Amino acid sequence: MLIKRFMPNEYLPSVLDLDLEHLRENNIKGIITDLDNTLVEWDRPDITTELDDWFFFLREQGFQVTIVSNNSEHRVRSFSEPNGIHFIHSAKKPMGRAFRKATRRMGLKKHEVVVVGDQVLTDVFGGNRAGFYTVLVVPVAQSDGFLTKINRKVERRVMKRLKDRGLIQWEDQQ
């Protein structure tokens, strides 16, 4: 059933709420994460202190992280490079190529990687299509760029359909 491809494996308030112990127990060694409205607001150029601490902690715990974003090279590079985070820009999500490329760069297999993002149509659908464990997080900002606003309208319909079919249990829909 196609609609199930839009269903995340988990739904969390924030990327910071990832249960690292649970990931480790399930042999997850890598995290592919979206940038805009997943890690920081889509219009915030710099990392937050809390997020910087989280990335440091991830590295200490042995997790690898790659940002996979549909945004421009300038946007993704200017956020990622100063923080020592590997990245792929202009990813064309939900196509699976960038997810697979990130996994190869980390030297991992897809069953060792989780995909985290704030959009059902790009992050979750793309991750699911490519065979990854997916986590949907609440967007960190209430505002979006132009194209994302269009995606959000479609996402609300998809989420309603998932809820109407009893496939999702959480109340806080996007």
N, C-alpha and C. Protein backbone atom coordinates (compact mmCIF):
# COMPACT_ATOMS: atom_id res chain seq x y z
N MET A 1 0.85 -1.18 0.00
CA MET A 1 0.00 0.00 0.00
C MET A 1 0.90 1.25 0.00
N LEU A 2 0.72 2.10 -0.99
CA LEU A 2 1.56 3.27 -1.18
C LEU A 2 1.53 4.23 0.02
N ILE A 3 0.39 4.40 0.64
CA ILE A 3 0.26 5.36 1.74
C ILE A 3 1.21 5.02 2.89
N LYS A 4 1.51 3.75 3.08
CA LYS A 4 2.42 3.34 4.16
C LYS A 4 3.84 3.83 3.95
N ARG A 5 4.20 4.16 2.72
CA ARG A 5 5.54 4.70 2.45
C ARG A 5 5.73 6.08 3.07
N PHE A 6 4.63 6.72 3.43
CA PHE A 6 4.69 8.04 4.06
C PHE A 6 4.70 7.95 5.59
N MET A 7 4.67 6.74 6.10
CA MET A 7 4.57 6.48 7.53
C MET A 7 5.97 6.36 8.15
N PRO A 8 6.32 7.27 9.07
CA PRO A 8 7.63 7.14 9.74
C PRO A 8 7.62 5.99 10.73
N ASN A 9 8.81 5.46 11.01
CA ASN A 9 8.92 4.44 12.05
C ASN A 9 8.73 5.04 13.44
N GLU A 10 9.13 6.30 13.59
CA GLU A 10 8.99 7.01 14.87
C GLU A 10 8.60 8.46 14.61
N TYR A 11 7.98 9.06 15.61
CA TYR A 11 7.62 10.48 15.56
C TYR A 11 8.07 11.10 16.87
N LEU A 12 8.93 12.13 16.81
CA LEU A 12 9.51 12.73 18.00
C LEU A 12 9.34 14.25 17.99
N PRO A 13 9.36 14.87 19.17
CA PRO A 13 9.27 16.33 19.23
C PRO A 13 10.49 17.04 18.64
N SER A 14 11.66 16.38 18.69
CA SER A 14 12.89 17.03 18.25
C SER A 14 13.95 15.98 17.94
N VAL A 15 14.90 16.35 17.09
CA VAL A 15 16.04 15.48 16.82
C VAL A 15 16.81 15.20 18.11
N LEU A 16 16.76 16.14 19.04
CA LEU A 16 17.45 15.98 20.32
C LEU A 16 16.82 14.89 21.18
N ASP A 17 15.61 14.45 20.81
CA ASP A 17 14.91 13.41 21.55
C ASP A 17 15.20 12.00 21.03
N LEU A 18 16.08 11.88 20.05
CA LEU A 18 16.46 10.55 19.59
C LEU A 18 17.00 9.75 20.77
N ASP A 19 16.54 8.54 20.92
CA ASP A 19 16.99 7.67 22.01
C ASP A 19 18.25 6.94 21.53
N LEU A 20 19.39 7.49 21.87
CA LEU A 20 20.66 6.95 21.38
C LEU A 20 20.91 5.54 21.88
N GLU A 21 20.49 5.24 23.08
CA GLU A 21 20.66 3.89 23.60
C GLU A 21 19.84 2.89 22.78
N HIS A 22 18.62 3.27 22.45
CA HIS A 22 17.76 2.43 21.61
C HIS A 22 18.39 2.23 20.23
N LEU A 23 18.95 3.31 19.66
CA LEU A 23 19.62 3.19 18.37
C LEU A 23 20.80 2.23 18.46
N ARG A 24 21.60 2.40 19.50
CA ARG A 24 22.77 1.54 19.68
C ARG A 24 22.34 0.07 19.83
N GLU A 25 21.29 -0.17 20.61
CA GLU A 25 20.79 -1.54 20.80
C GLU A 25 20.34 -2.17 19.48
N ASN A 26 19.93 -1.32 18.53
CA ASN A 26 19.48 -1.80 17.23
C ASN A 26 20.56 -1.68 16.16
N ASN A 27 21.82 -1.57 16.62
CA ASN A 27 22.99 -1.56 15.75
C ASN A 27 23.00 -0.37 14.77
N ILE A 28 22.39 0.74 15.18
CA ILE A 28 22.42 1.96 14.37
C ILE A 28 23.72 2.70 14.70
N LYS A 29 24.48 3.02 13.66
CA LYS A 29 25.77 3.68 13.85
C LYS A 29 25.83 5.03 13.14
N GLY A 30 24.83 5.30 12.30
CA GLY A 30 24.84 6.53 11.53
C GLY A 30 23.49 7.22 11.52
N ILE A 31 23.53 8.54 11.45
CA ILE A 31 22.33 9.34 11.39
C ILE A 31 22.41 10.25 10.17
N ILE A 32 21.44 10.11 9.29
CA ILE A 32 21.26 11.04 8.19
C ILE A 32 20.17 12.00 8.63
N THR A 33 20.48 13.28 8.64
CA THR A 33 19.49 14.25 9.08
C THR A 33 19.33 15.37 8.07
N ASP A 34 18.11 15.85 7.99
CA ASP A 34 17.81 17.04 7.21
C ASP A 34 18.37 18.23 7.97
N LEU A 35 18.46 19.38 7.33
CA LEU A 35 18.96 20.60 7.98
C LEU A 35 17.83 21.54 8.38
N ASP A 36 17.18 22.12 7.39
CA ASP A 36 16.21 23.19 7.64
C ASP A 36 14.93 22.69 8.29
N ASN A 37 14.62 23.28 9.43
CA ASN A 37 13.46 22.97 10.27
C ASN A 37 13.51 21.59 10.90
N THR A 38 14.63 20.89 10.72
CA THR A 38 14.89 19.66 11.47
C THR A 38 15.92 19.96 12.55
N LEU A 39 17.05 20.54 12.15
CA LEU A 39 18.11 20.90 13.10
C LEU A 39 17.96 22.33 13.60
N VAL A 40 17.77 23.25 12.69
CA VAL A 40 17.59 24.67 13.02
C VAL A 40 16.50 25.25 12.11
N GLU A 41 16.04 26.44 12.45
CA GLU A 41 15.06 27.12 11.62
C GLU A 41 15.63 27.29 10.21
N TRP A 42 14.76 27.26 9.22
CA TRP A 42 15.19 27.29 7.82
C TRP A 42 15.96 28.56 7.47
N ASP A 43 15.78 29.61 8.27
CA ASP A 43 16.45 30.88 7.98
C ASP A 43 17.55 31.22 9.00
N ARG A 44 17.92 30.25 9.85
CA ARG A 44 18.99 30.46 10.84
C ARG A 44 20.32 30.00 10.23
N PRO A 45 21.29 30.87 10.12
CA PRO A 45 22.56 30.49 9.49
C PRO A 45 23.49 29.68 10.39
N ASP A 46 23.36 29.81 11.71
CA ASP A 46 24.33 29.20 12.63
C ASP A 46 23.72 28.13 13.50
N ILE A 47 24.58 27.28 14.01
CA ILE A 47 24.19 26.21 14.92
C ILE A 47 23.84 26.81 16.30
N THR A 48 22.91 26.17 17.00
CA THR A 48 22.61 26.58 18.37
C THR A 48 23.60 25.90 19.32
N THR A 49 23.76 26.44 20.48
CA THR A 49 24.65 25.84 21.48
C THR A 49 24.19 24.43 21.84
N GLU A 50 22.88 24.27 22.03
CA GLU A 50 22.33 22.97 22.38
C GLU A 50 22.60 21.93 21.29
N LEU A 51 22.44 22.33 20.05
CA LEU A 51 22.69 21.42 18.93
C LEU A 51 24.18 21.11 18.79
N ASP A 52 25.02 22.11 18.99
CA ASP A 52 26.47 21.91 18.95
C ASP A 52 26.89 20.89 20.00
N ASP A 53 26.36 21.01 21.21
CA ASP A 53 26.64 20.05 22.28
C ASP A 53 26.16 18.65 21.90
N TRP A 54 24.99 18.59 21.25
CA TRP A 54 24.42 17.30 20.85
C TRP A 54 25.31 16.62 19.82
N PHE A 55 25.79 17.38 18.83
CA PHE A 55 26.70 16.80 17.83
C PHE A 55 27.99 16.29 18.48
N PHE A 56 28.52 17.04 19.43
CA PHE A 56 29.72 16.62 20.14
C PHE A 56 29.45 15.30 20.87
N PHE A 57 28.30 15.23 21.55
CA PHE A 57 27.93 14.03 22.28
C PHE A 57 27.76 12.84 21.33
N LEU A 58 27.14 13.07 20.17
CA LEU A 58 26.98 11.99 19.19
C LEU A 58 28.33 11.41 18.79
N ARG A 59 29.27 12.30 18.50
CA ARG A 59 30.62 11.84 18.12
C ARG A 59 31.27 11.06 19.24
N GLU A 60 31.13 11.57 20.47
CA GLU A 60 31.68 10.86 21.64
C GLU A 60 31.11 9.46 21.76
N GLN A 61 29.83 9.32 21.41
CA GLN A 61 29.14 8.03 21.52
C GLN A 61 29.38 7.13 20.31
N GLY A 62 30.16 7.61 19.35
CA GLY A 62 30.52 6.79 18.20
C GLY A 62 29.57 6.85 17.02
N PHE A 63 28.61 7.77 17.04
CA PHE A 63 27.69 7.89 15.92
C PHE A 63 28.29 8.80 14.84
N GLN A 64 28.05 8.44 13.60
CA GLN A 64 28.42 9.29 12.47
C GLN A 64 27.17 10.05 12.03
N VAL A 65 27.35 11.28 11.57
CA VAL A 65 26.22 12.10 11.14
C VAL A 65 26.53 12.71 9.78
N THR A 66 25.54 12.68 8.91
CA THR A 66 25.61 13.36 7.63
C THR A 66 24.32 14.14 7.42
N ILE A 67 24.45 15.42 7.09
CA ILE A 67 23.29 16.23 6.74
C ILE A 67 23.01 16.02 5.26
N VAL A 68 21.77 15.68 4.95
CA VAL A 68 21.33 15.53 3.57
C VAL A 68 20.19 16.53 3.37
N SER A 69 20.44 17.52 2.54
CA SER A 69 19.49 18.62 2.36
C SER A 69 19.23 18.91 0.90
N ASN A 70 18.01 19.32 0.61
CA ASN A 70 17.67 19.77 -0.74
C ASN A 70 18.13 21.20 -0.99
N ASN A 71 18.60 21.86 0.05
CA ASN A 71 18.99 23.26 -0.08
C ASN A 71 20.30 23.40 -0.88
N SER A 72 20.66 24.65 -1.13
CA SER A 72 21.83 24.97 -1.95
C SER A 72 23.14 24.60 -1.27
N GLU A 73 24.17 24.48 -2.08
CA GLU A 73 25.50 24.18 -1.54
C GLU A 73 25.93 25.25 -0.54
N HIS A 74 25.72 26.52 -0.87
CA HIS A 74 26.13 27.60 0.02
C HIS A 74 25.46 27.47 1.39
N ARG A 75 24.16 27.25 1.41
CA ARG A 75 23.42 27.14 2.67
C ARG A 75 23.93 25.96 3.51
N VAL A 76 24.03 24.80 2.90
CA VAL A 76 24.38 23.59 3.65
C VAL A 76 25.85 23.61 4.05
N ARG A 77 26.73 24.05 3.17
CA ARG A 77 28.16 24.12 3.47
C ARG A 77 28.42 25.12 4.60
N SER A 78 27.79 26.30 4.54
CA SER A 78 28.06 27.33 5.54
C SER A 78 27.60 26.91 6.93
N PHE A 79 26.62 26.03 7.01
CA PHE A 79 26.19 25.50 8.31
C PHE A 79 27.08 24.33 8.73
N SER A 80 27.35 23.42 7.82
CA SER A 80 28.00 22.14 8.15
C SER A 80 29.51 22.24 8.37
N GLU A 81 30.22 22.86 7.46
CA GLU A 81 31.69 22.87 7.52
C GLU A 81 32.25 23.45 8.81
N PRO A 82 31.76 24.62 9.29
CA PRO A 82 32.32 25.15 10.54
C PRO A 82 32.12 24.23 11.73
N ASN A 83 31.14 23.32 11.61
CA ASN A 83 30.82 22.42 12.71
C ASN A 83 31.35 21.00 12.48
N GLY A 84 32.13 20.82 11.42
CA GLY A 84 32.74 19.53 11.15
C GLY A 84 31.76 18.43 10.82
N ILE A 85 30.66 18.79 10.17
CA ILE A 85 29.62 17.82 9.85
C ILE A 85 29.65 17.54 8.35
N HIS A 86 29.67 16.26 7.99
CA HIS A 86 29.62 15.88 6.58
C HIS A 86 28.24 16.23 6.04
N PHE A 87 28.17 16.53 4.74
CA PHE A 87 26.89 16.95 4.18
C PHE A 87 26.78 16.60 2.70
N ILE A 88 25.54 16.56 2.25
CA ILE A 88 25.20 16.45 0.84
C ILE A 88 24.14 17.51 0.59
N HIS A 89 24.41 18.39 -0.36
CA HIS A 89 23.47 19.46 -0.69
C HIS A 89 22.73 19.10 -1.98
N SER A 90 21.71 19.87 -2.30
CA SER A 90 20.94 19.66 -3.54
C SER A 90 20.58 18.18 -3.71
N ALA A 91 20.08 17.57 -2.66
CA ALA A 91 19.92 16.12 -2.58
C ALA A 91 18.80 15.54 -3.44
N LYS A 92 17.86 16.36 -3.84
CA LYS A 92 16.73 15.90 -4.65
C LYS A 92 15.89 14.85 -3.93
N LYS A 93 15.75 15.02 -2.61
CA LYS A 93 14.85 14.14 -1.86
C LYS A 93 13.44 14.40 -2.38
N PRO A 94 12.62 13.39 -2.55
CA PRO A 94 12.70 12.05 -1.96
C PRO A 94 13.45 11.00 -2.77
N MET A 95 14.16 11.39 -3.80
CA MET A 95 14.97 10.40 -4.51
C MET A 95 15.98 9.79 -3.53
N GLY A 96 16.29 8.53 -3.71
CA GLY A 96 17.11 7.81 -2.75
C GLY A 96 18.61 7.95 -2.92
N ARG A 97 19.05 8.53 -4.03
CA ARG A 97 20.48 8.57 -4.32
C ARG A 97 21.32 9.21 -3.22
N ALA A 98 20.90 10.37 -2.71
CA ALA A 98 21.68 11.07 -1.68
C ALA A 98 21.72 10.28 -0.37
N PHE A 99 20.64 9.58 -0.03
CA PHE A 99 20.64 8.74 1.17
C PHE A 99 21.67 7.62 1.04
N ARG A 100 21.68 6.98 -0.12
CA ARG A 100 22.63 5.89 -0.37
C ARG A 100 24.07 6.42 -0.38
N LYS A 101 24.27 7.58 -0.99
CA LYS A 101 25.60 8.19 -1.03
C LYS A 101 26.11 8.50 0.37
N ALA A 102 25.24 9.07 1.21
CA ALA A 102 25.62 9.39 2.59
C ALA A 102 25.99 8.11 3.35
N THR A 103 25.25 7.06 3.13
CA THR A 103 25.51 5.78 3.80
C THR A 103 26.87 5.23 3.37
N ARG A 104 27.15 5.27 2.08
CA ARG A 104 28.46 4.80 1.58
C ARG A 104 29.59 5.63 2.17
N ARG A 105 29.43 6.95 2.21
CA ARG A 105 30.47 7.83 2.76
C ARG A 105 30.76 7.51 4.22
N MET A 106 29.73 7.11 4.95
CA MET A 106 29.93 6.76 6.37
C MET A 106 30.48 5.34 6.51
N GLY A 107 30.53 4.60 5.40
CA GLY A 107 31.03 3.23 5.44
C GLY A 107 30.08 2.29 6.16
N LEU A 108 28.79 2.57 6.04
CA LEU A 108 27.78 1.78 6.75
C LEU A 108 26.81 1.14 5.77
N LYS A 109 26.01 0.23 6.28
CA LYS A 109 24.93 -0.39 5.51
C LYS A 109 23.63 0.29 5.92
N LYS A 110 22.62 0.25 5.06
CA LYS A 110 21.40 1.00 5.36
C LYS A 110 20.70 0.55 6.64
N HIS A 111 20.85 -0.72 7.03
CA HIS A 111 20.24 -1.16 8.28
C HIS A 111 20.98 -0.61 9.51
N GLU A 112 22.11 0.08 9.28
CA GLU A 112 22.87 0.69 10.38
C GLU A 112 22.65 2.21 10.45
N VAL A 113 21.70 2.70 9.65
CA VAL A 113 21.51 4.15 9.54
C VAL A 113 20.04 4.50 9.74
N VAL A 114 19.80 5.62 10.40
CA VAL A 114 18.46 6.16 10.57
C VAL A 114 18.38 7.49 9.82
N VAL A 115 17.22 7.76 9.21
CA VAL A 115 16.97 9.01 8.51
C VAL A 115 16.01 9.85 9.36
N VAL A 116 16.41 11.09 9.64
CA VAL A 116 15.61 11.99 10.48
C VAL A 116 15.28 13.25 9.71
N GLY A 117 14.02 13.67 9.77
CA GLY A 117 13.63 14.89 9.11
C GLY A 117 12.28 15.39 9.55
N ASP A 118 11.95 16.60 9.11
CA ASP A 118 10.69 17.23 9.51
C ASP A 118 9.61 17.16 8.43
N GLN A 119 9.93 16.59 7.27
CA GLN A 119 8.95 16.54 6.18
C GLN A 119 8.63 15.12 5.77
N VAL A 120 7.35 14.84 5.67
CA VAL A 120 6.88 13.53 5.26
C VAL A 120 7.20 13.28 3.78
N LEU A 121 7.00 14.28 2.94
CA LEU A 121 7.13 14.08 1.50
C LEU A 121 8.56 13.95 1.02
N THR A 122 9.51 14.47 1.76
CA THR A 122 10.91 14.39 1.32
C THR A 122 11.70 13.42 2.19
N ASP A 123 11.76 13.69 3.48
CA ASP A 123 12.61 12.90 4.39
C ASP A 123 12.06 11.50 4.65
N VAL A 124 10.81 11.42 5.08
CA VAL A 124 10.22 10.12 5.43
C VAL A 124 9.97 9.28 4.19
N PHE A 125 9.29 9.84 3.21
CA PHE A 125 9.00 9.10 1.98
C PHE A 125 10.30 8.66 1.30
N GLY A 126 11.25 9.57 1.20
CA GLY A 126 12.53 9.24 0.57
C GLY A 126 13.29 8.17 1.35
N GLY A 127 13.35 8.32 2.66
CA GLY A 127 14.03 7.32 3.49
C GLY A 127 13.36 5.97 3.42
N ASN A 128 12.04 5.95 3.48
CA ASN A 128 11.31 4.68 3.39
C ASN A 128 11.50 4.02 2.04
N ARG A 129 11.41 4.79 0.97
CA ARG A 129 11.59 4.23 -0.39
C ARG A 129 12.97 3.60 -0.54
N ALA A 130 13.96 4.20 0.12
CA ALA A 130 15.33 3.70 0.01
C ALA A 130 15.63 2.59 1.03
N GLY A 131 14.65 2.26 1.88
CA GLY A 131 14.80 1.13 2.80
C GLY A 131 15.41 1.46 4.15
N PHE A 132 15.34 2.73 4.58
CA PHE A 132 15.91 3.14 5.87
C PHE A 132 14.84 3.19 6.96
N TYR A 133 15.29 3.14 8.19
CA TYR A 133 14.45 3.41 9.36
C TYR A 133 14.27 4.92 9.41
N THR A 134 13.03 5.40 9.52
CA THR A 134 12.78 6.84 9.44
C THR A 134 12.17 7.40 10.71
N VAL A 135 12.58 8.64 11.02
CA VAL A 135 12.07 9.36 12.19
C VAL A 135 11.59 10.73 11.72
N LEU A 136 10.33 11.02 11.98
CA LEU A 136 9.76 12.32 11.69
C LEU A 136 9.81 13.16 12.96
N VAL A 137 10.30 14.38 12.84
CA VAL A 137 10.34 15.29 13.99
C VAL A 137 9.47 16.51 13.71
N VAL A 138 9.01 17.13 14.78
CA VAL A 138 8.24 18.37 14.66
C VAL A 138 9.17 19.46 14.13
N PRO A 139 8.73 20.23 13.14
CA PRO A 139 9.58 21.32 12.63
C PRO A 139 9.95 22.30 13.76
N VAL A 140 11.20 22.77 13.75
CA VAL A 140 11.65 23.68 14.81
C VAL A 140 11.08 25.08 14.65
N ALA A 141 10.53 25.40 13.48
CA ALA A 141 9.93 26.72 13.25
C ALA A 141 8.54 26.54 12.67
N GLN A 142 7.68 27.50 12.93
CA GLN A 142 6.33 27.45 12.37
C GLN A 142 6.29 27.99 10.95
N SER A 143 7.35 28.68 10.54
CA SER A 143 7.38 29.23 9.19
C SER A 143 8.24 28.35 8.29
N ASP A 144 8.00 28.45 6.98
CA ASP A 144 8.73 27.66 6.00
C ASP A 144 9.05 28.51 4.79
N GLY A 145 10.01 28.03 4.01
CA GLY A 145 10.27 28.63 2.72
C GLY A 145 9.10 28.35 1.77
N PHE A 146 9.08 28.99 0.63
CA PHE A 146 7.95 28.91 -0.31
C PHE A 146 7.60 27.48 -0.71
N LEU A 147 8.58 26.73 -1.21
CA LEU A 147 8.29 25.36 -1.67
C LEU A 147 7.86 24.44 -0.54
N THR A 148 8.43 24.63 0.62
CA THR A 148 8.06 23.80 1.76
C THR A 148 6.63 24.08 2.19
N LYS A 149 6.16 25.32 2.04
CA LYS A 149 4.76 25.63 2.37
C LYS A 149 3.81 24.80 1.52
N ILE A 150 4.16 24.62 0.26
CA ILE A 150 3.34 23.79 -0.63
C ILE A 150 3.37 22.34 -0.15
N ASN A 151 4.56 21.83 0.17
CA ASN A 151 4.69 20.46 0.68
C ASN A 151 3.86 20.25 1.94
N ARG A 152 3.86 21.23 2.83
CA ARG A 152 3.13 21.10 4.09
C ARG A 152 1.63 20.90 3.85
N LYS A 153 1.08 21.57 2.85
CA LYS A 153 -0.35 21.40 2.54
C LYS A 153 -0.64 19.96 2.13
N VAL A 154 0.22 19.42 1.29
CA VAL A 154 0.06 18.02 0.86
C VAL A 154 0.27 17.09 2.05
N GLU A 155 1.28 17.38 2.87
CA GLU A 155 1.57 16.55 4.05
C GLU A 155 0.37 16.46 4.98
N ARG A 156 -0.31 17.58 5.20
CA ARG A 156 -1.48 17.56 6.09
C ARG A 156 -2.53 16.58 5.58
N ARG A 157 -2.70 16.52 4.27
CA ARG A 157 -3.67 15.57 3.70
C ARG A 157 -3.20 14.13 3.89
N VAL A 158 -1.91 13.90 3.66
CA VAL A 158 -1.35 12.56 3.83
C VAL A 158 -1.47 12.13 5.30
N MET A 159 -1.12 13.03 6.22
CA MET A 159 -1.19 12.70 7.65
C MET A 159 -2.64 12.41 8.08
N LYS A 160 -3.58 13.17 7.54
CA LYS A 160 -4.99 12.94 7.86
C LYS A 160 -5.41 11.56 7.37
N ARG A 161 -4.98 11.20 6.16
CA ARG A 161 -5.32 9.88 5.62
C ARG A 161 -4.72 8.77 6.49
N LEU A 162 -3.46 8.95 6.91
CA LEU A 162 -2.82 7.96 7.79
C LEU A 162 -3.58 7.84 9.11
N LYS A 163 -3.98 8.98 9.65
CA LYS A 163 -4.72 8.97 10.92
C LYS A 163 -6.10 8.33 10.75
N ASP A 164 -6.79 8.68 9.68
CA ASP A 164 -8.12 8.11 9.42
C ASP A 164 -8.07 6.60 9.26
N ARG A 165 -6.96 6.08 8.76
CA ARG A 165 -6.80 4.63 8.59
C ARG A 165 -6.26 3.95 9.86
N GLY A 166 -6.05 4.74 10.91
CA GLY A 166 -5.56 4.19 12.17
C GLY A 166 -4.09 3.85 12.16
N LEU A 167 -3.33 4.40 11.21
CA LEU A 167 -1.92 4.07 11.09
C LEU A 167 -1.03 4.93 11.98
N ILE A 168 -1.52 6.10 12.37
CA ILE A 168 -0.75 6.93 13.29
C ILE A 168 -1.58 7.18 14.54
N GLN A 169 -0.89 7.29 15.65
CA GLN A 169 -1.56 7.43 16.93
C GLN A 169 -1.34 8.78 17.58
N TRP A 170 -0.29 9.49 17.14
CA TRP A 170 0.03 10.74 17.80
C TRP A 170 -0.99 11.82 17.45
N GLU A 171 -1.15 12.74 18.37
CA GLU A 171 -2.15 13.80 18.21
C GLU A 171 -1.59 15.01 17.48
N ASP A 172 -0.32 15.33 17.72
CA ASP A 172 0.27 16.55 17.20
C ASP A 172 0.68 16.37 15.74
N GLN A 173 -0.26 16.56 14.85
CA GLN A 173 0.05 16.45 13.43
C GLN A 173 0.57 17.77 12.92
N GLN A 174 1.32 17.71 11.85
CA GLN A 174 1.87 18.93 11.24
C GLN A 174 0.77 19.68 10.53
